Amino acid sequence: NDYTLPYLALTRGAKVDAGLAERFGTATIENLWLPFFCVSSNLTTGS
């Protein structure tokens, strides 16, 4: 709900960034107790 002028998106994303940082801190994927992966969509490569 941190709405902004919809030039890049409807929201600034600052609250999401802060929430993820608060939840996961500086943890890295290769240093988690279980092997983990996640998926995003690369608009540059289309994959």
All heavy atoms as atom14 arrays in JSON, in Angstrom:
{
  "sequence": "NDYTLPYLALTRGAKVDAGLAERFGTATIENLWLPFFCVSSNLTTGS",
  "atom14_mask": [
    [1, 1, 1, 1, 1, 1, 1, 1, 0, 0, 0, 0, 0, 0],
    [1, 1, 1, 1, 1, 1, 1, 1, 0, 0, 0, 0, 0, 0],
    [1, 1, 1, 1, 1, 1, 1, 1, 1, 1, 1, 1, 0, 0],
    [1, 1, 1, 1, 1, 1, 1, 0, 0, 0, 0, 0, 0, 0],
    [1, 1, 1, 1, 1, 1, 1, 1, 0, 0, 0, 0, 0, 0],
    [1, 1, 1, 1, 1, 1, 1, 0, 0, 0, 0, 0, 0, 0],
    [1, 1, 1, 1, 1, 1, 1, 1, 1, 1, 1, 1, 0, 0],
    [1, 1, 1, 1, 1, 1, 1, 1, 0, 0, 0, 0, 0, 0],
    [1, 1, 1, 1, 1, 0, 0, 0, 0, 0, 0, 0, 0, 0],
    [1, 1, 1, 1, 1, 1, 1, 1, 0, 0, 0, 0, 0, 0],
    [1, 1, 1, 1, 1, 1, 1, 0, 0, 0, 0, 0, 0, 0],
    [1, 1, 1, 1, 1, 1, 1, 1, 1, 1, 1, 0, 0, 0],
    [1, 1, 1, 1, 0, 0, 0, 0, 0, 0, 0, 0, 0, 0],
    [1, 1, 1, 1, 1, 0, 0, 0, 0, 0, 0, 0, 0, 0],
    [1, 1, 1, 1, 1, 1, 1, 1, 1, 0, 0, 0, 0, 0],
    [1, 1, 1, 1, 1, 1, 1, 0, 0, 0, 0, 0, 0, 0],
    [1, 1, 1, 1, 1, 1, 1, 1, 0, 0, 0, 0, 0, 0],
    [1, 1, 1, 1, 1, 0, 0, 0, 0, 0, 0, 0, 0, 0],
    [1, 1, 1, 1, 0, 0, 0, 0, 0, 0, 0, 0, 0, 0],
    [1, 1, 1, 1, 1, 1, 1, 1, 0, 0, 0, 0, 0, 0],
    [1, 1, 1, 1, 1, 0, 0, 0, 0, 0, 0, 0, 0, 0],
    [1, 1, 1, 1, 1, 1, 1, 1, 1, 0, 0, 0, 0, 0],
    [1, 1, 1, 1, 1, 1, 1, 1, 1, 1, 1, 0, 0, 0],
    [1, 1, 1, 1, 1, 1, 1, 1, 1, 1, 1, 0, 0, 0],
    [1, 1, 1, 1, 0, 0, 0, 0, 0, 0, 0, 0, 0, 0],
    [1, 1, 1, 1, 1, 1, 1, 0, 0, 0, 0, 0, 0, 0],
    [1, 1, 1, 1, 1, 0, 0, 0, 0, 0, 0, 0, 0, 0],
    [1, 1, 1, 1, 1, 1, 1, 0, 0, 0, 0, 0, 0, 0],
    [1, 1, 1, 1, 1, 1, 1, 1, 0, 0, 0, 0, 0, 0],
    [1, 1, 1, 1, 1, 1, 1, 1, 1, 0, 0, 0, 0, 0],
    [1, 1, 1, 1, 1, 1, 1, 1, 0, 0, 0, 0, 0, 0],
    [1, 1, 1, 1, 1, 1, 1, 1, 0, 0, 0, 0, 0, 0],
    [1, 1, 1, 1, 1, 1, 1, 1, 1, 1, 1, 1, 1, 1],
    [1, 1, 1, 1, 1, 1, 1, 1, 0, 0, 0, 0, 0, 0],
    [1, 1, 1, 1, 1, 1, 1, 0, 0, 0, 0, 0, 0, 0],
    [1, 1, 1, 1, 1, 1, 1, 1, 1, 1, 1, 0, 0, 0],
    [1, 1, 1, 1, 1, 1, 1, 1, 1, 1, 1, 0, 0, 0],
    [1, 1, 1, 1, 1, 1, 0, 0, 0, 0, 0, 0, 0, 0],
    [1, 1, 1, 1, 1, 1, 1, 0, 0, 0, 0, 0, 0, 0],
    [1, 1, 1, 1, 1, 1, 0, 0, 0, 0, 0, 0, 0, 0],
    [1, 1, 1, 1, 1, 1, 0, 0, 0, 0, 0, 0, 0, 0],
    [1, 1, 1, 1, 1, 1, 1, 1, 0, 0, 0, 0, 0, 0],
    [1, 1, 1, 1, 1, 1, 1, 1, 0, 0, 0, 0, 0, 0],
    [1, 1, 1, 1, 1, 1, 1, 0, 0, 0, 0, 0, 0, 0],
    [1, 1, 1, 1, 1, 1, 1, 0, 0, 0, 0, 0, 0, 0],
    [1, 1, 1, 1, 0, 0, 0, 0, 0, 0, 0, 0, 0, 0],
    [1, 1, 1, 1, 1, 1, 0, 0, 0, 0, 0, 0, 0, 0]
  ],
  "atom14_positions": [
    [[0.81, -1.22, 0.0], [0.0, 0.0, 0.0], [0.85, 1.28, 0.0], [0.34, 2.36, 0.28], [-0.97, 0.0, 1.19], [-0.25, 0.04, 2.53], [0.97, 0.0, 2.6], [-1.03, 0.1, 3.61], [0.0, 0.0, 0.0], [0.0, 0.0, 0.0], [0.0, 0.0, 0.0], [0.0, 0.0, 0.0], [0.0, 0.0, 0.0], [0.0, 0.0, 0.0]],
    [[2.15, 1.15, -0.31], [2.98, 2.36, -0.43], [2.89, 2.85, -1.88], [3.83, 2.79, -2.65], [4.42, 2.13, 0.01], [5.08, 0.97, -0.7], [4.37, 0.14, -1.3], [6.32, 0.89, -0.65], [0.0, 0.0, 0.0], [0.0, 0.0, 0.0], [0.0, 0.0, 0.0], [0.0, 0.0, 0.0], [0.0, 0.0, 0.0], [0.0, 0.0, 0.0]],
    [[1.68, 3.34, -2.25], [1.4, 3.73, -3.62], [2.23, 4.94, -4.03], [2.62, 5.78, -3.21], [-0.09, 4.02, -3.8], [-0.97, 2.83, -3.51], [-1.76, 2.78, -2.37], [-0.99, 1.75, -4.38], [-2.56, 1.68, -2.09], [-1.77, 0.63, -4.1], [-2.55, 0.6, -2.96], [-3.32, -0.49, -2.7], [0.0, 0.0, 0.0], [0.0, 0.0, 0.0]],
    [[2.48, 5.0, -5.31], [3.29, 6.08, -5.85], [2.81, 6.41, -7.25], [1.88, 5.77, -7.77], [4.79, 5.68, -5.89], [5.58, 6.79, -6.32], [5.01, 4.51, -6.84], [0.0, 0.0, 0.0], [0.0, 0.0, 0.0], [0.0, 0.0, 0.0], [0.0, 0.0, 0.0], [0.0, 0.0, 0.0], [0.0, 0.0, 0.0], [0.0, 0.0, 0.0]],
    [[3.39, 7.41, -7.86], [3.08, 7.72, -9.25], [3.4, 6.49, -10.1], [4.55, 6.02, -10.09], [3.91, 8.92, -9.71], [3.64, 9.41, -11.14], [2.26, 10.03, -11.23], [4.72, 10.43, -11.56], [0.0, 0.0, 0.0], [0.0, 0.0, 0.0], [0.0, 0.0, 0.0], [0.0, 0.0, 0.0], [0.0, 0.0, 0.0], [0.0, 0.0, 0.0]],
    [[2.43, 5.93, -10.81], [2.65, 4.64, -11.49], [3.52, 4.77, -12.74], [3.05, 4.54, -13.87], [1.23, 4.19, -11.83], [0.44, 5.46, -11.96], [1.04, 6.4, -10.96], [0.0, 0.0, 0.0], [0.0, 0.0, 0.0], [0.0, 0.0, 0.0], [0.0, 0.0, 0.0], [0.0, 0.0, 0.0], [0.0, 0.0, 0.0], [0.0, 0.0, 0.0]],
    [[4.76, 5.16, -12.52], [5.71, 5.24, -13.63], [6.44, 3.91, -13.81], [6.59, 3.4, -14.92], [6.71, 6.37, -13.36], [7.7, 6.59, -14.49], [7.28, 7.16, -15.69], [9.03, 6.25, -14.34], [8.17, 7.35, -16.72], [9.94, 6.46, -15.36], [9.51, 7.0, -16.56], [10.38, 7.2, -17.58], [0.0, 0.0, 0.0], [0.0, 0.0, 0.0]],
    [[6.9, 3.3, -12.68], [7.5, 1.97, -12.72], [6.52, 0.91, -12.27], [6.54, -0.21, -12.77], [8.74, 1.93, -11.81], [9.86, 2.91, -12.15], [10.96, 2.83, -11.1], [10.42, 2.61, -13.53], [0.0, 0.0, 0.0], [0.0, 0.0, 0.0], [0.0, 0.0, 0.0], [0.0, 0.0, 0.0], [0.0, 0.0, 0.0], [0.0, 0.0, 0.0]],
    [[5.68, 1.26, -11.3], [4.69, 0.34, -10.76], [3.74, 1.14, -9.89], [3.97, 2.31, -9.59], [5.36, -0.77, -9.96], [0.0, 0.0, 0.0], [0.0, 0.0, 0.0], [0.0, 0.0, 0.0], [0.0, 0.0, 0.0], [0.0, 0.0, 0.0], [0.0, 0.0, 0.0], [0.0, 0.0, 0.0], [0.0, 0.0, 0.0], [0.0, 0.0, 0.0]],
    [[2.65, 0.48, -9.47], [1.68, 1.15, -8.62], [2.24, 1.46, -7.23], [1.8, 2.39, -6.58], [0.42, 0.28, -8.48], [-0.45, 0.12, -9.72], [-1.61, -0.82, -9.43], [-0.98, 1.47, -10.19], [0.0, 0.0, 0.0], [0.0, 0.0, 0.0], [0.0, 0.0, 0.0], [0.0, 0.0, 0.0], [0.0, 0.0, 0.0], [0.0, 0.0, 0.0]],
    [[3.19, 0.65, -6.77], [3.78, 0.87, -5.45], [5.29, 1.07, -5.58], [5.91, 0.68, -6.57], [3.51, -0.32, -4.51], [4.22, -1.47, -4.99], [2.03, -0.66, -4.45], [0.0, 0.0, 0.0], [0.0, 0.0, 0.0], [0.0, 0.0, 0.0], [0.0, 0.0, 0.0], [0.0, 0.0, 0.0], [0.0, 0.0, 0.0], [0.0, 0.0, 0.0]],
    [[5.86, 1.65, -4.52], [7.31, 1.85, -4.52], [8.06, 0.55, -4.25], [9.21, 0.39, -4.64], [7.69, 2.89, -3.47], [7.18, 4.3, -3.77], [7.87, 5.34, -2.9], [7.67, 5.07, -1.49], [6.65, 5.5, -0.78], [5.72, 6.24, -1.36], [6.53, 5.24, 0.51], [0.0, 0.0, 0.0], [0.0, 0.0, 0.0], [0.0, 0.0, 0.0]],
    [[7.44, -0.36, -3.52], [8.09, -1.62, -3.17], [8.97, -1.5, -1.95], [9.61, -2.48, -1.55], [0.0, 0.0, 0.0], [0.0, 0.0, 0.0], [0.0, 0.0, 0.0], [0.0, 0.0, 0.0], [0.0, 0.0, 0.0], [0.0, 0.0, 0.0], [0.0, 0.0, 0.0], [0.0, 0.0, 0.0], [0.0, 0.0, 0.0], [0.0, 0.0, 0.0]],
    [[9.02, -0.31, -1.32], [9.91, -0.12, -0.17], [9.46, -0.97, 1.01], [10.29, -1.5, 1.76], [9.95, 1.36, 0.2], [0.0, 0.0, 0.0], [0.0, 0.0, 0.0], [0.0, 0.0, 0.0], [0.0, 0.0, 0.0], [0.0, 0.0, 0.0], [0.0, 0.0, 0.0], [0.0, 0.0, 0.0], [0.0, 0.0, 0.0], [0.0, 0.0, 0.0]],
    [[8.15, -1.1, 1.22], [7.66, -1.89, 2.35], [7.97, -3.37, 2.15], [8.29, -4.09, 3.1], [6.16, -1.67, 2.53], [5.8, -0.26, 2.99], [4.31, -0.1, 3.21], [3.83, -0.87, 4.42], [2.41, -0.61, 4.72], [0.0, 0.0, 0.0], [0.0, 0.0, 0.0], [0.0, 0.0, 0.0], [0.0, 0.0, 0.0], [0.0, 0.0, 0.0]],
    [[7.87, -3.83, 0.91], [8.22, -5.23, 0.62], [9.7, -5.45, 0.86], [10.1, -6.45, 1.48], [7.84, -5.59, -0.83], [8.39, -6.97, -1.2], [6.33, -5.57, -1.01], [0.0, 0.0, 0.0], [0.0, 0.0, 0.0], [0.0, 0.0, 0.0], [0.0, 0.0, 0.0], [0.0, 0.0, 0.0], [0.0, 0.0, 0.0], [0.0, 0.0, 0.0]],
    [[10.53, -4.54, 0.38], [11.98, -4.67, 0.59], [12.31, -4.72, 2.08], [13.11, -5.56, 2.53], [12.73, -3.49, -0.05], [12.64, -3.51, -1.57], [12.29, -4.57, -2.11], [12.91, -2.47, -2.18], [0.0, 0.0, 0.0], [0.0, 0.0, 0.0], [0.0, 0.0, 0.0], [0.0, 0.0, 0.0], [0.0, 0.0, 0.0], [0.0, 0.0, 0.0]],
    [[11.69, -3.83, 2.85], [11.97, -3.79, 4.29], [11.49, -5.06, 4.97], [12.17, -5.59, 5.86], [11.3, -2.57, 4.91], [0.0, 0.0, 0.0], [0.0, 0.0, 0.0], [0.0, 0.0, 0.0], [0.0, 0.0, 0.0], [0.0, 0.0, 0.0], [0.0, 0.0, 0.0], [0.0, 0.0, 0.0], [0.0, 0.0, 0.0], [0.0, 0.0, 0.0]],
    [[10.34, -5.56, 4.55], [9.81, -6.78, 5.16], [10.7, -7.99, 4.89], [10.94, -8.81, 5.79], [0.0, 0.0, 0.0], [0.0, 0.0, 0.0], [0.0, 0.0, 0.0], [0.0, 0.0, 0.0], [0.0, 0.0, 0.0], [0.0, 0.0, 0.0], [0.0, 0.0, 0.0], [0.0, 0.0, 0.0], [0.0, 0.0, 0.0], [0.0, 0.0, 0.0]],
    [[11.2, -8.13, 3.66], [12.08, -9.24, 3.33], [13.41, -9.13, 4.08], [13.95, -10.14, 4.56], [12.33, -9.29, 1.82], [11.13, -9.69, 0.96], [11.46, -9.54, -0.52], [10.7, -11.12, 1.26], [0.0, 0.0, 0.0], [0.0, 0.0, 0.0], [0.0, 0.0, 0.0], [0.0, 0.0, 0.0], [0.0, 0.0, 0.0], [0.0, 0.0, 0.0]],
    [[13.94, -7.91, 4.18], [15.19, -7.72, 4.92], [15.01, -8.05, 6.39], [15.89, -8.65, 7.02], [15.67, -6.28, 4.74], [0.0, 0.0, 0.0], [0.0, 0.0, 0.0], [0.0, 0.0, 0.0], [0.0, 0.0, 0.0], [0.0, 0.0, 0.0], [0.0, 0.0, 0.0], [0.0, 0.0, 0.0], [0.0, 0.0, 0.0], [0.0, 0.0, 0.0]],
    [[13.88, -7.68, 6.96], [13.61, -7.97, 8.36], [13.47, -9.47, 8.59], [13.93, -10.0, 9.59], [12.33, -7.25, 8.79], [11.92, -7.51, 10.23], [10.6, -6.84, 10.57], [10.08, -6.05, 9.74], [10.07, -7.11, 11.67], [0.0, 0.0, 0.0], [0.0, 0.0, 0.0], [0.0, 0.0, 0.0], [0.0, 0.0, 0.0], [0.0, 0.0, 0.0]],
    [[12.86, -10.16, 7.63], [12.58, -11.59, 7.8], [13.81, -12.45, 7.55], [14.05, -13.41, 8.28], [11.45, -11.99, 6.85], [10.99, -13.44, 6.96], [9.66, -13.61, 6.27], [9.18, -14.99, 6.33], [7.91, -15.33, 6.2], [6.99, -14.4, 6.04], [7.54, -16.6, 6.23], [0.0, 0.0, 0.0], [0.0, 0.0, 0.0], [0.0, 0.0, 0.0]],
    [[14.59, -12.12, 6.53], [15.69, -13.0, 6.13], [17.08, -12.38, 6.34], [18.09, -13.09, 6.17], [15.53, -13.4, 4.65], [14.27, -14.2, 4.4], [13.16, -13.61, 3.83], [14.2, -15.54, 4.76], [12.0, -14.33, 3.61], [13.05, -16.27, 4.54], [11.94, -15.66, 3.97], [0.0, 0.0, 0.0], [0.0, 0.0, 0.0], [0.0, 0.0, 0.0]],
    [[17.14, -11.12, 6.7], [18.42, -10.5, 6.99], [19.4, -10.62, 5.85], [19.07, -10.4, 4.69], [0.0, 0.0, 0.0], [0.0, 0.0, 0.0], [0.0, 0.0, 0.0], [0.0, 0.0, 0.0], [0.0, 0.0, 0.0], [0.0, 0.0, 0.0], [0.0, 0.0, 0.0], [0.0, 0.0, 0.0], [0.0, 0.0, 0.0], [0.0, 0.0, 0.0]],
    [[20.64, -10.98, 6.18], [21.7, -11.12, 5.17], [21.93, -12.57, 4.76], [22.95, -12.89, 4.16], [23.01, -10.53, 5.71], [23.38, -11.23, 6.91], [22.85, -9.05, 6.02], [0.0, 0.0, 0.0], [0.0, 0.0, 0.0], [0.0, 0.0, 0.0], [0.0, 0.0, 0.0], [0.0, 0.0, 0.0], [0.0, 0.0, 0.0], [0.0, 0.0, 0.0]],
    [[21.0, -13.46, 5.1], [21.16, -14.88, 4.77], [21.33, -15.07, 3.28], [20.71, -14.37, 2.46], [19.95, -15.68, 5.27], [0.0, 0.0, 0.0], [0.0, 0.0, 0.0], [0.0, 0.0, 0.0], [0.0, 0.0, 0.0], [0.0, 0.0, 0.0], [0.0, 0.0, 0.0], [0.0, 0.0, 0.0], [0.0, 0.0, 0.0], [0.0, 0.0, 0.0]],
    [[22.2, -16.02, 2.91], [22.41, -16.34, 1.5], [21.88, -17.74, 1.2], [21.82, -18.6, 2.07], [23.9, -16.28, 1.13], [24.64, -17.17, 1.99], [24.45, -14.87, 1.3], [0.0, 0.0, 0.0], [0.0, 0.0, 0.0], [0.0, 0.0, 0.0], [0.0, 0.0, 0.0], [0.0, 0.0, 0.0], [0.0, 0.0, 0.0], [0.0, 0.0, 0.0]],
    [[21.49, -17.94, -0.05], [20.88, -19.21, -0.45], [21.81, -20.38, -0.2], [21.38, -21.45, 0.25], [20.46, -19.14, -1.93], [19.33, -18.12, -2.11], [20.03, -20.51, -2.45], [18.92, -17.9, -3.54], [0.0, 0.0, 0.0], [0.0, 0.0, 0.0], [0.0, 0.0, 0.0], [0.0, 0.0, 0.0], [0.0, 0.0, 0.0], [0.0, 0.0, 0.0]],
    [[23.1, -20.19, -0.47], [24.05, -21.3, -0.31], [24.35, -21.59, 1.16], [24.99, -22.61, 1.46], [25.33, -21.03, -1.08], [26.02, -19.73, -0.74], [25.59, -18.56, -1.6], [24.37, -18.39, -1.83], [26.47, -17.79, -2.03], [0.0, 0.0, 0.0], [0.0, 0.0, 0.0], [0.0, 0.0, 0.0], [0.0, 0.0, 0.0], [0.0, 0.0, 0.0]],
    [[23.88, -20.75, 2.05], [24.12, -20.96, 3.48], [22.79, -21.05, 4.25], [22.58, -20.37, 5.25], [25.0, -19.84, 4.05], [26.42, -19.92, 3.52], [27.07, -20.96, 3.62], [26.9, -18.84, 2.93], [0.0, 0.0, 0.0], [0.0, 0.0, 0.0], [0.0, 0.0, 0.0], [0.0, 0.0, 0.0], [0.0, 0.0, 0.0], [0.0, 0.0, 0.0]],
    [[21.91, -21.89, 3.75], [20.67, -22.24, 4.42], [20.76, -23.7, 4.85], [21.52, -24.49, 4.28], [19.47, -22.04, 3.5], [19.21, -20.61, 3.01], [18.05, -20.58, 2.04], [18.95, -19.67, 4.19], [0.0, 0.0, 0.0], [0.0, 0.0, 0.0], [0.0, 0.0, 0.0], [0.0, 0.0, 0.0], [0.0, 0.0, 0.0], [0.0, 0.0, 0.0]],
    [[19.96, -24.09, 5.83], [20.05, -25.46, 6.33], [19.55, -26.48, 5.3], [20.02, -27.61, 5.27], [19.26, -25.6, 7.63], [19.91, -24.91, 8.79], [19.4, -23.88, 9.53], [21.22, -25.15, 9.32], [20.29, -23.48, 10.49], [21.44, -24.25, 10.39], [22.24, -26.06, 9.0], [22.6, -24.22, 11.13], [23.41, -26.02, 9.75], [23.59, -25.12, 10.79]],
    [[18.62, -26.08, 4.46], [18.15, -26.96, 3.4], [18.51, -26.36, 2.05], [18.44, -25.14, 1.88], [16.63, -27.14, 3.46], [16.07, -28.27, 4.33], [16.4, -28.06, 5.79], [14.55, -28.39, 4.14], [0.0, 0.0, 0.0], [0.0, 0.0, 0.0], [0.0, 0.0, 0.0], [0.0, 0.0, 0.0], [0.0, 0.0, 0.0], [0.0, 0.0, 0.0]],
    [[18.88, -27.19, 1.08], [19.07, -26.66, -0.28], [17.77, -25.99, -0.76], [16.67, -26.52, -0.57], [19.4, -27.91, -1.1], [19.98, -28.87, -0.11], [19.22, -28.63, 1.16], [0.0, 0.0, 0.0], [0.0, 0.0, 0.0], [0.0, 0.0, 0.0], [0.0, 0.0, 0.0], [0.0, 0.0, 0.0], [0.0, 0.0, 0.0], [0.0, 0.0, 0.0]],
    [[17.91, -24.83, -1.41], [16.75, -24.02, -1.77], [16.98, -23.37, -3.13], [18.1, -23.03, -3.5], [16.53, -22.93, -0.7], [15.63, -21.82, -1.12], [14.25, -21.97, -1.1], [16.14, -20.59, -1.55], [13.4, -20.94, -1.49], [15.3, -19.55, -1.94], [13.93, -19.73, -1.91], [0.0, 0.0, 0.0], [0.0, 0.0, 0.0], [0.0, 0.0, 0.0]],
    [[15.89, -23.2, -3.87], [15.93, -22.38, -5.08], [14.6, -21.65, -5.2], [13.58, -22.06, -4.63], [16.19, -23.22, -6.34], [15.03, -24.1, -6.74], [13.98, -23.6, -7.52], [14.96, -25.42, -6.33], [12.91, -24.4, -7.88], [13.89, -26.23, -6.67], [12.86, -25.72, -7.46], [0.0, 0.0, 0.0], [0.0, 0.0, 0.0], [0.0, 0.0, 0.0]],
    [[14.59, -20.56, -5.94], [13.34, -19.91, -6.3], [13.43, -19.43, -7.74], [14.51, -19.4, -8.33], [13.0, -18.76, -5.35], [14.11, -17.34, -5.42], [0.0, 0.0, 0.0], [0.0, 0.0, 0.0], [0.0, 0.0, 0.0], [0.0, 0.0, 0.0], [0.0, 0.0, 0.0], [0.0, 0.0, 0.0], [0.0, 0.0, 0.0], [0.0, 0.0, 0.0]],
    [[12.29, -19.08, -8.3], [12.2, -18.78, -9.72], [11.69, -17.36, -9.91], [10.74, -16.93, -9.26], [11.24, -19.77, -10.42], [11.07, -19.41, -11.9], [11.76, -21.19, -10.27], [0.0, 0.0, 0.0], [0.0, 0.0, 0.0], [0.0, 0.0, 0.0], [0.0, 0.0, 0.0], [0.0, 0.0, 0.0], [0.0, 0.0, 0.0], [0.0, 0.0, 0.0]],
    [[12.33, -16.64, -10.82], [11.81, -15.35, -11.3], [11.74, -15.42, -12.82], [12.21, -16.39, -13.44], [12.7, -14.2, -10.85], [13.98, -14.28, -11.46], [0.0, 0.0, 0.0], [0.0, 0.0, 0.0], [0.0, 0.0, 0.0], [0.0, 0.0, 0.0], [0.0, 0.0, 0.0], [0.0, 0.0, 0.0], [0.0, 0.0, 0.0], [0.0, 0.0, 0.0]],
    [[11.14, -14.41, -13.43], [11.03, -14.35, -14.89], [11.97, -13.25, -15.41], [11.87, -12.09, -14.99], [9.59, -14.05, -15.31], [8.71, -15.05, -14.85], [0.0, 0.0, 0.0], [0.0, 0.0, 0.0], [0.0, 0.0, 0.0], [0.0, 0.0, 0.0], [0.0, 0.0, 0.0], [0.0, 0.0, 0.0], [0.0, 0.0, 0.0], [0.0, 0.0, 0.0]],
    [[12.87, -13.63, -16.29], [13.84, -12.71, -16.85], [13.27, -12.11, -18.13], [13.21, -12.78, -19.17], [15.16, -13.43, -17.12], [16.29, -12.48, -17.47], [16.07, -11.47, -18.13], [17.5, -12.8, -17.04], [0.0, 0.0, 0.0], [0.0, 0.0, 0.0], [0.0, 0.0, 0.0], [0.0, 0.0, 0.0], [0.0, 0.0, 0.0], [0.0, 0.0, 0.0]],
    [[12.82, -10.86, -18.06], [12.21, -10.23, -19.24], [13.25, -9.91, -20.31], [12.9, -9.76, -21.48], [11.49, -8.94, -18.82], [10.3, -9.11, -17.86], [9.63, -7.77, -17.62], [9.31, -10.14, -18.39], [0.0, 0.0, 0.0], [0.0, 0.0, 0.0], [0.0, 0.0, 0.0], [0.0, 0.0, 0.0], [0.0, 0.0, 0.0], [0.0, 0.0, 0.0]],
    [[14.51, -9.82, -19.93], [15.56, -9.53, -20.91], [15.8, -10.73, -21.81], [15.89, -10.59, -23.04], [16.87, -9.15, -20.19], [16.63, -8.01, -19.36], [17.96, -8.83, -21.2], [0.0, 0.0, 0.0], [0.0, 0.0, 0.0], [0.0, 0.0, 0.0], [0.0, 0.0, 0.0], [0.0, 0.0, 0.0], [0.0, 0.0, 0.0], [0.0, 0.0, 0.0]],
    [[15.88, -11.91, -21.22], [16.15, -13.13, -22.0], [14.88, -13.85, -22.4], [14.92, -14.73, -23.27], [17.02, -14.09, -21.19], [16.3, -14.51, -20.01], [18.32, -13.43, -20.76], [0.0, 0.0, 0.0], [0.0, 0.0, 0.0], [0.0, 0.0, 0.0], [0.0, 0.0, 0.0], [0.0, 0.0, 0.0], [0.0, 0.0, 0.0], [0.0, 0.0, 0.0]],
    [[13.76, -13.53, -21.76], [12.52, -14.22, -22.07], [12.47, -15.62, -21.52], [11.79, -16.48, -22.09], [0.0, 0.0, 0.0], [0.0, 0.0, 0.0], [0.0, 0.0, 0.0], [0.0, 0.0, 0.0], [0.0, 0.0, 0.0], [0.0, 0.0, 0.0], [0.0, 0.0, 0.0], [0.0, 0.0, 0.0], [0.0, 0.0, 0.0], [0.0, 0.0, 0.0]],
    [[13.19, -15.88, -20.42], [13.23, -17.23, -19.86], [13.13, -17.15, -18.34], [13.32, -16.1, -17.74], [14.53, -17.94, -20.25], [15.65, -17.22, -19.76], [0.0, 0.0, 0.0], [0.0, 0.0, 0.0], [0.0, 0.0, 0.0], [0.0, 0.0, 0.0], [0.0, 0.0, 0.0], [0.0, 0.0, 0.0], [0.0, 0.0, 0.0], [0.0, 0.0, 0.0]]
  ]
}
